[in-house]
Amino acid sequence: MHWILHRDVSGDVPYPECRLVNSRAVLNFHYWGGVSLASQYPNLEFEVSDSTDAPRGLVDFMGSIHIDIVSHKLAAALQLVGAEIELFPVAMSYNGRRLDGQQFFALNSLMRPRALDLKRSDVDLDEELGDVLVARKVVLDETAIANLNWLVVDELNRLAVSSKVIDAIRLSGCTGCAFSEPGLTRF
């Protein structure tokens, strides 16, 4: 079974705010999964600060716009289970202090299949693009994604991960990740 991955906003862990400093670097850049960006990924720089309504600190999974940022620890856990991803080092500063070395990476999801079971889901689709506009009940087509560990569900523009990935994340002690059953996804 695949679960929807999102940032943990439970209030129990930090929820740092990430700002892309050199946003011009991603203008007209396809960075939300489905294609390899290895030959063209720009150098990115992020300023990260503590959120005013969450505990202070950094987490292993955070992001800005549609760019997911993962720590070295989370990157290692994902690579261990064969997650279908690319990782690109990013420059980061936290509360004004520059972080050294390759501690954080921008993550690119290599797989972006159409994975929604439209017969069993209750959604309103954009007729032109096929994107979900309103989701009342989401059912993933598990047969279409059975061999994938990490993907962007094309119709939802949401990350989905296998149980194998969830186990690896939990065993590594990574923070900032939350998982929900697809059937509980509403927007």
C-alpha atoms as a PDB file:
ATOM      1  CA  MET A   1       0.000   0.000   0.000  1.00  0.00           C
ATOM      2  CA  HIS A   2       1.094   3.550  -0.696  1.00  0.00           C
ATOM      3  CA  TRP A   3       0.570   6.472   1.619  1.00  0.00           C
ATOM      4  CA  ILE A   4       0.481  10.206   0.987  1.00  0.00           C
ATOM      5  CA  LEU A   5       3.589  11.944   2.336  1.00  0.00           C
ATOM      6  CA  HIS A   6       3.336  15.494   3.598  1.00  0.00           C
ATOM      7  CA  ARG A   7       5.139  17.769   6.001  1.00  0.00           C
ATOM      8  CA  ASP A   8       4.427  17.183   9.682  1.00  0.00           C
ATOM      9  CA  VAL A   9       2.396  20.151  10.926  1.00  0.00           C
ATOM     10  CA  SER A  10       1.202  18.435  14.104  1.00  0.00           C
ATOM     11  CA  GLY A  11       2.802  21.069  16.323  1.00  0.00           C
ATOM     12  CA  ASP A  12       4.956  18.438  18.022  1.00  0.00           C
ATOM     13  CA  VAL A  13       7.971  18.993  15.744  1.00  0.00           C
ATOM     14  CA  PRO A  14       9.513  22.103  14.194  1.00  0.00           C
ATOM     15  CA  TYR A  15       8.040  23.436  10.967  1.00  0.00           C
ATOM     16  CA  PRO A  16      10.806  25.656   9.598  1.00  0.00           C
ATOM     17  CA  GLU A  17      10.030  28.233   6.940  1.00  0.00           C
ATOM     18  CA  CYS A  18      12.173  27.882   3.820  1.00  0.00           C
ATOM     19  CA  ARG A  19      12.710  30.707   1.362  1.00  0.00           C
ATOM     20  CA  LEU A  20      14.434  30.199  -1.961  1.00  0.00           C
ATOM     21  CA  VAL A  21      16.945  33.045  -2.169  1.00  0.00           C
ATOM     22  CA  ASN A  22      17.749  32.745  -5.860  1.00  0.00           C
ATOM     23  CA  SER A  23      14.225  32.131  -7.153  1.00  0.00           C
ATOM     24  CA  ARG A  24      15.179  33.290 -10.657  1.00  0.00           C
ATOM     25  CA  ALA A  25      17.110  30.019 -10.960  1.00  0.00           C
ATOM     26  CA  VAL A  26      13.858  28.063 -11.191  1.00  0.00           C
ATOM     27  CA  LEU A  27      11.879  30.285 -13.541  1.00  0.00           C
ATOM     28  CA  ASN A  28      10.492  28.078 -16.341  1.00  0.00           C
ATOM     29  CA  PHE A  29      12.124  25.076 -14.702  1.00  0.00           C
ATOM     30  CA  HIS A  30      10.293  21.745 -14.502  1.00  0.00           C
ATOM     31  CA  TYR A  31      10.991  20.735 -10.909  1.00  0.00           C
ATOM     32  CA  TRP A  32       7.967  18.756  -9.753  1.00  0.00           C
ATOM     33  CA  GLY A  33       8.855  15.260 -10.743  1.00  0.00           C
ATOM     34  CA  GLY A  34       8.651  12.829 -13.584  1.00  0.00           C
ATOM     35  CA  VAL A  35      11.858  13.698 -15.438  1.00  0.00           C
ATOM     36  CA  SER A  36      15.539  13.554 -14.627  1.00  0.00           C
ATOM     37  CA  LEU A  37      17.092  16.931 -13.967  1.00  0.00           C
ATOM     38  CA  ALA A  38      20.648  15.703 -13.500  1.00  0.00           C
ATOM     39  CA  SER A  39      22.134  17.642 -16.394  1.00  0.00           C
ATOM     40  CA  GLN A  40      20.367  20.918 -15.705  1.00  0.00           C
ATOM     41  CA  TYR A  41      19.693  21.355 -11.996  1.00  0.00           C
ATOM     42  CA  PRO A  42      20.549  24.891 -10.898  1.00  0.00           C
ATOM     43  CA  ASN A  43      22.498  25.748  -7.765  1.00  0.00           C
ATOM     44  CA  LEU A  44      19.884  26.650  -5.185  1.00  0.00           C
ATOM     45  CA  GLU A  45      20.216  28.610  -1.980  1.00  0.00           C
ATOM     46  CA  PHE A  46      17.678  28.607   0.838  1.00  0.00           C
ATOM     47  CA  GLU A  47      17.235  30.730   3.939  1.00  0.00           C
ATOM     48  CA  VAL A  48      15.539  28.753   6.675  1.00  0.00           C
ATOM     49  CA  SER A  49      14.074  30.285   9.800  1.00  0.00           C
ATOM     50  CA  ASP A  50      12.002  29.086  12.719  1.00  0.00           C
ATOM     51  CA  SER A  51       8.252  29.332  12.384  1.00  0.00           C
ATOM     52  CA  THR A  52       6.534  31.510  14.952  1.00  0.00           C
ATOM     53  CA  ASP A  53       3.837  28.917  15.666  1.00  0.00           C
ATOM     54  CA  ALA A  54       5.905  25.719  15.939  1.00  0.00           C
ATOM     55  CA  PRO A  55       8.843  24.483  18.003  1.00  0.00           C
ATOM     56  CA  ARG A  56      12.253  25.807  16.963  1.00  0.00           C
ATOM     57  CA  GLY A  57      14.705  23.715  14.954  1.00  0.00           C
ATOM     58  CA  LEU A  58      15.401  21.946  11.698  1.00  0.00           C
ATOM     59  CA  VAL A  59      13.762  18.770  10.432  1.00  0.00           C
ATOM     60  CA  ASP A  60      14.789  16.164   7.881  1.00  0.00           C
ATOM     61  CA  PHE A  61      11.929  16.914   5.426  1.00  0.00           C
ATOM     62  CA  MET A  62      10.979  20.486   4.575  1.00  0.00           C
ATOM     63  CA  GLY A  63      10.529  22.607   1.512  1.00  0.00           C
ATOM     64  CA  SER A  64       9.822  25.769  -0.366  1.00  0.00           C
ATOM     65  CA  ILE A  65       7.304  26.200  -3.182  1.00  0.00           C
ATOM     66  CA  HIS A  66       7.311  22.753  -4.837  1.00  0.00           C
ATOM     67  CA  ILE A  67      10.919  21.998  -3.972  1.00  0.00           C
ATOM     68  CA  ASP A  68      11.335  19.313  -1.346  1.00  0.00           C
ATOM     69  CA  ILE A  69      14.434  19.571   0.818  1.00  0.00           C
ATOM     70  CA  VAL A  70      15.807  16.551   2.656  1.00  0.00           C
ATOM     71  CA  SER A  71      18.624  16.126   5.146  1.00  0.00           C
ATOM     72  CA  HIS A  72      21.638  13.929   4.560  1.00  0.00           C
ATOM     73  CA  LYS A  73      20.124  11.413   7.013  1.00  0.00           C
ATOM     74  CA  LEU A  74      16.794  11.201   5.137  1.00  0.00           C
ATOM     75  CA  ALA A  75      18.572  11.076   1.771  1.00  0.00           C
ATOM     76  CA  ALA A  76      20.599   8.075   2.973  1.00  0.00           C
ATOM     77  CA  ALA A  77      17.462   6.269   4.206  1.00  0.00           C
ATOM     78  CA  LEU A  78      15.677   6.851   0.889  1.00  0.00           C
ATOM     79  CA  GLN A  79      18.631   5.674  -1.164  1.00  0.00           C
ATOM     80  CA  LEU A  80      18.890   2.544   0.969  1.00  0.00           C
ATOM     81  CA  VAL A  81      15.382   1.420  -0.047  1.00  0.00           C
ATOM     82  CA  GLY A  82      15.747   2.390  -3.699  1.00  0.00           C
ATOM     83  CA  ALA A  83      13.432   5.398  -3.718  1.00  0.00           C
ATOM     84  CA  GLU A  84      13.071   6.721  -7.269  1.00  0.00           C
ATOM     85  CA  ILE A  85      14.686  10.104  -6.638  1.00  0.00           C
ATOM     86  CA  GLU A  86      17.536  12.408  -7.560  1.00  0.00           C
ATOM     87  CA  LEU A  87      19.335  14.524  -4.982  1.00  0.00           C
ATOM     88  CA  PHE A  88      21.075  17.850  -5.558  1.00  0.00           C
ATOM     89  CA  PRO A  89      23.100  19.636  -2.865  1.00  0.00           C
ATOM     90  CA  VAL A  90      21.700  23.013  -1.804  1.00  0.00           C
ATOM     91  CA  ALA A  91      23.271  25.890   0.079  1.00  0.00           C
ATOM     92  CA  MET A  92      21.395  26.685   3.271  1.00  0.00           C
ATOM     93  CA  SER A  93      21.484  29.151   6.084  1.00  0.00           C
ATOM     94  CA  TYR A  94      19.479  28.680   9.263  1.00  0.00           C
ATOM     95  CA  ASN A  95      18.475  31.735  11.283  1.00  0.00           C
ATOM     96  CA  GLY A  96      21.212  33.688   9.512  1.00  0.00           C
ATOM     97  CA  ARG A  97      23.961  31.096  10.066  1.00  0.00           C
ATOM     98  CA  ARG A  98      25.394  29.352   6.988  1.00  0.00           C
ATOM     99  CA  LEU A  99      25.324  25.542   7.224  1.00  0.00           C
ATOM    100  CA  ASP A 100      28.503  23.771   6.162  1.00  0.00           C
ATOM    101  CA  GLY A 101      28.920  20.971   3.673  1.00  0.00           C
ATOM    102  CA  GLN A 102      26.349  18.796   1.988  1.00  0.00           C
ATOM    103  CA  GLN A 103      23.856  18.552   4.832  1.00  0.00           C
ATOM    104  CA  PHE A 104      20.722  19.178   2.755  1.00  0.00           C
ATOM    105  CA  PHE A 105      19.554  18.285  -0.730  1.00  0.00           C
ATOM    106  CA  ALA A 106      16.812  19.290  -3.133  1.00  0.00           C
ATOM    107  CA  LEU A 107      14.884  16.151  -4.002  1.00  0.00           C
ATOM    108  CA  ASN A 108      13.528  15.420  -7.468  1.00  0.00           C
ATOM    109  CA  SER A 109      10.974  12.639  -7.831  1.00  0.00           C
ATOM    110  CA  LEU A 110      11.732  10.631 -10.954  1.00  0.00           C
ATOM    111  CA  MET A 111       8.332   8.961 -11.213  1.00  0.00           C
ATOM    112  CA  ARG A 112       5.089  10.844 -11.862  1.00  0.00           C
ATOM    113  CA  PRO A 113       2.505   8.319 -13.079  1.00  0.00           C
ATOM    114  CA  ARG A 114      -1.213   8.787 -13.381  1.00  0.00           C
ATOM    115  CA  ALA A 115      -2.037   6.682 -10.333  1.00  0.00           C
ATOM    116  CA  LEU A 116      -5.554   7.622  -9.300  1.00  0.00           C
ATOM    117  CA  ASP A 117      -8.284   4.992  -9.493  1.00  0.00           C
ATOM    118  CA  LEU A 118     -10.907   7.250 -11.046  1.00  0.00           C
ATOM    119  CA  LYS A 119     -13.700   4.662 -10.780  1.00  0.00           C
ATOM    120  CA  ARG A 120     -13.350   4.377  -6.991  1.00  0.00           C
ATOM    121  CA  SER A 121     -12.282   7.935  -6.175  1.00  0.00           C
ATOM    122  CA  ASP A 122     -14.672  10.839  -5.646  1.00  0.00           C
ATOM    123  CA  VAL A 123     -12.955  13.829  -7.230  1.00  0.00           C
ATOM    124  CA  ASP A 124     -13.612  16.776  -9.517  1.00  0.00           C
ATOM    125  CA  LEU A 125     -11.089  16.966 -12.340  1.00  0.00           C
ATOM    126  CA  ASP A 126      -9.884  19.870 -14.414  1.00  0.00           C
ATOM    127  CA  GLU A 127     -11.183  18.729 -17.799  1.00  0.00           C
ATOM    128  CA  GLU A 128      -8.248  20.188 -19.711  1.00  0.00           C
ATOM    129  CA  LEU A 129      -5.324  19.151 -17.509  1.00  0.00           C
ATOM    130  CA  GLY A 130      -6.758  16.133 -15.707  1.00  0.00           C
ATOM    131  CA  ASP A 131      -5.671  17.489 -12.318  1.00  0.00           C
ATOM    132  CA  VAL A 132      -7.837  16.979  -9.256  1.00  0.00           C
ATOM    133  CA  LEU A 133      -9.515  20.239  -8.250  1.00  0.00           C
ATOM    134  CA  VAL A 134     -11.581  18.846  -5.375  1.00  0.00           C
ATOM    135  CA  ALA A 135     -10.892  15.561  -3.584  1.00  0.00           C
ATOM    136  CA  ARG A 136     -13.589  14.016  -1.399  1.00  0.00           C
ATOM    137  CA  LYS A 137     -12.233  10.447  -1.567  1.00  0.00           C
ATOM    138  CA  VAL A 138      -8.890   9.385  -3.033  1.00  0.00           C
ATOM    139  CA  VAL A 139      -8.152   5.805  -4.058  1.00  0.00           C
ATOM    140  CA  LEU A 140      -4.816   4.986  -5.635  1.00  0.00           C
ATOM    141  CA  ASP A 141      -4.488   2.375  -8.366  1.00  0.00           C
ATOM    142  CA  GLU A 142      -2.098   0.114  -6.476  1.00  0.00           C
ATOM    143  CA  THR A 143      -1.571  -2.183  -9.462  1.00  0.00           C
ATOM    144  CA  ALA A 144      -0.228   0.746 -11.507  1.00  0.00           C
ATOM    145  CA  ILE A 145       2.303   1.735  -8.830  1.00  0.00           C
ATOM    146  CA  ALA A 146       3.020  -1.596  -7.132  1.00  0.00           C
ATOM    147  CA  ASN A 147       6.738  -1.546  -8.010  1.00  0.00           C
ATOM    148  CA  LEU A 148       7.337   2.088  -7.049  1.00  0.00           C
ATOM    149  CA  ASN A 149       8.611   3.284  -3.682  1.00  0.00           C
ATOM    150  CA  TRP A 150       8.463   7.066  -4.235  1.00  0.00           C
ATOM    151  CA  LEU A 151       6.313   8.955  -6.717  1.00  0.00           C
ATOM    152  CA  VAL A 152       4.337  12.067  -7.422  1.00  0.00           C
ATOM    153  CA  VAL A 153       0.707  11.125  -8.093  1.00  0.00           C
ATOM    154  CA  ASP A 154       0.210  13.090 -11.296  1.00  0.00           C
ATOM    155  CA  GLU A 155      -3.470  13.905 -10.861  1.00  0.00           C
ATOM    156  CA  LEU A 156      -3.019  14.993  -7.231  1.00  0.00           C
ATOM    157  CA  ASN A 157       0.376  16.718  -7.367  1.00  0.00           C
ATOM    158  CA  ARG A 158       1.083  14.902  -4.089  1.00  0.00           C
ATOM    159  CA  LEU A 159       3.870  12.575  -3.028  1.00  0.00           C
ATOM    160  CA  ALA A 160       3.049   8.922  -2.378  1.00  0.00           C
ATOM    161  CA  VAL A 161       5.426   6.457  -0.750  1.00  0.00           C
ATOM    162  CA  SER A 162       5.479   2.732  -0.146  1.00  0.00           C
ATOM    163  CA  SER A 163       5.407   1.071   3.250  1.00  0.00           C
ATOM    164  CA  LYS A 164       9.075   0.220   2.658  1.00  0.00           C
ATOM    165  CA  VAL A 165       9.911   3.948   2.529  1.00  0.00           C
ATOM    166  CA  ILE A 166       7.837   4.679   5.629  1.00  0.00           C
ATOM    167  CA  ASP A 167       9.666   1.948   7.551  1.00  0.00           C
ATOM    168  CA  ALA A 168      13.054   3.319   6.450  1.00  0.00           C
ATOM    169  CA  ILE A 169      12.116   6.856   7.476  1.00  0.00           C
ATOM    170  CA  ARG A 170      10.873   5.749  10.881  1.00  0.00           C
ATOM    171  CA  LEU A 171      13.863   3.467  11.531  1.00  0.00           C
ATOM    172  CA  SER A 172      16.284   6.284  10.672  1.00  0.00           C
ATOM    173  CA  GLY A 173      14.578   8.620  13.158  1.00  0.00           C
ATOM    174  CA  CYS A 174      13.932  11.304  10.557  1.00  0.00           C
ATOM    175  CA  THR A 175      11.589  14.155  11.458  1.00  0.00           C
ATOM    176  CA  GLY A 176       9.270  16.396   9.471  1.00  0.00           C
ATOM    177  CA  CYS A 177       7.480  13.562   7.640  1.00  0.00           C
ATOM    178  CA  ALA A 178       3.843  12.677   8.130  1.00  0.00           C
ATOM    179  CA  PHE A 179       1.868  10.002   6.325  1.00  0.00           C
ATOM    180  CA  SER A 180      -1.831   9.656   5.685  1.00  0.00           C
ATOM    181  CA  GLU A 181      -3.963   7.060   4.009  1.00  0.00           C
ATOM    182  CA  PRO A 182      -5.001   8.233   0.542  1.00  0.00           C
ATOM    183  CA  GLY A 183      -8.666   7.838   1.502  1.00  0.00           C
ATOM    184  CA  LEU A 184      -8.217  10.560   4.125  1.00  0.00           C
ATOM    185  CA  THR A 185      -6.821  13.085   1.624  1.00  0.00           C
ATOM    186  CA  ARG A 186      -9.223  15.989   1.157  1.00  0.00           C
ATOM    187  CA  PHE A 187      -8.860  19.335  -0.545  1.00  0.00           C
END
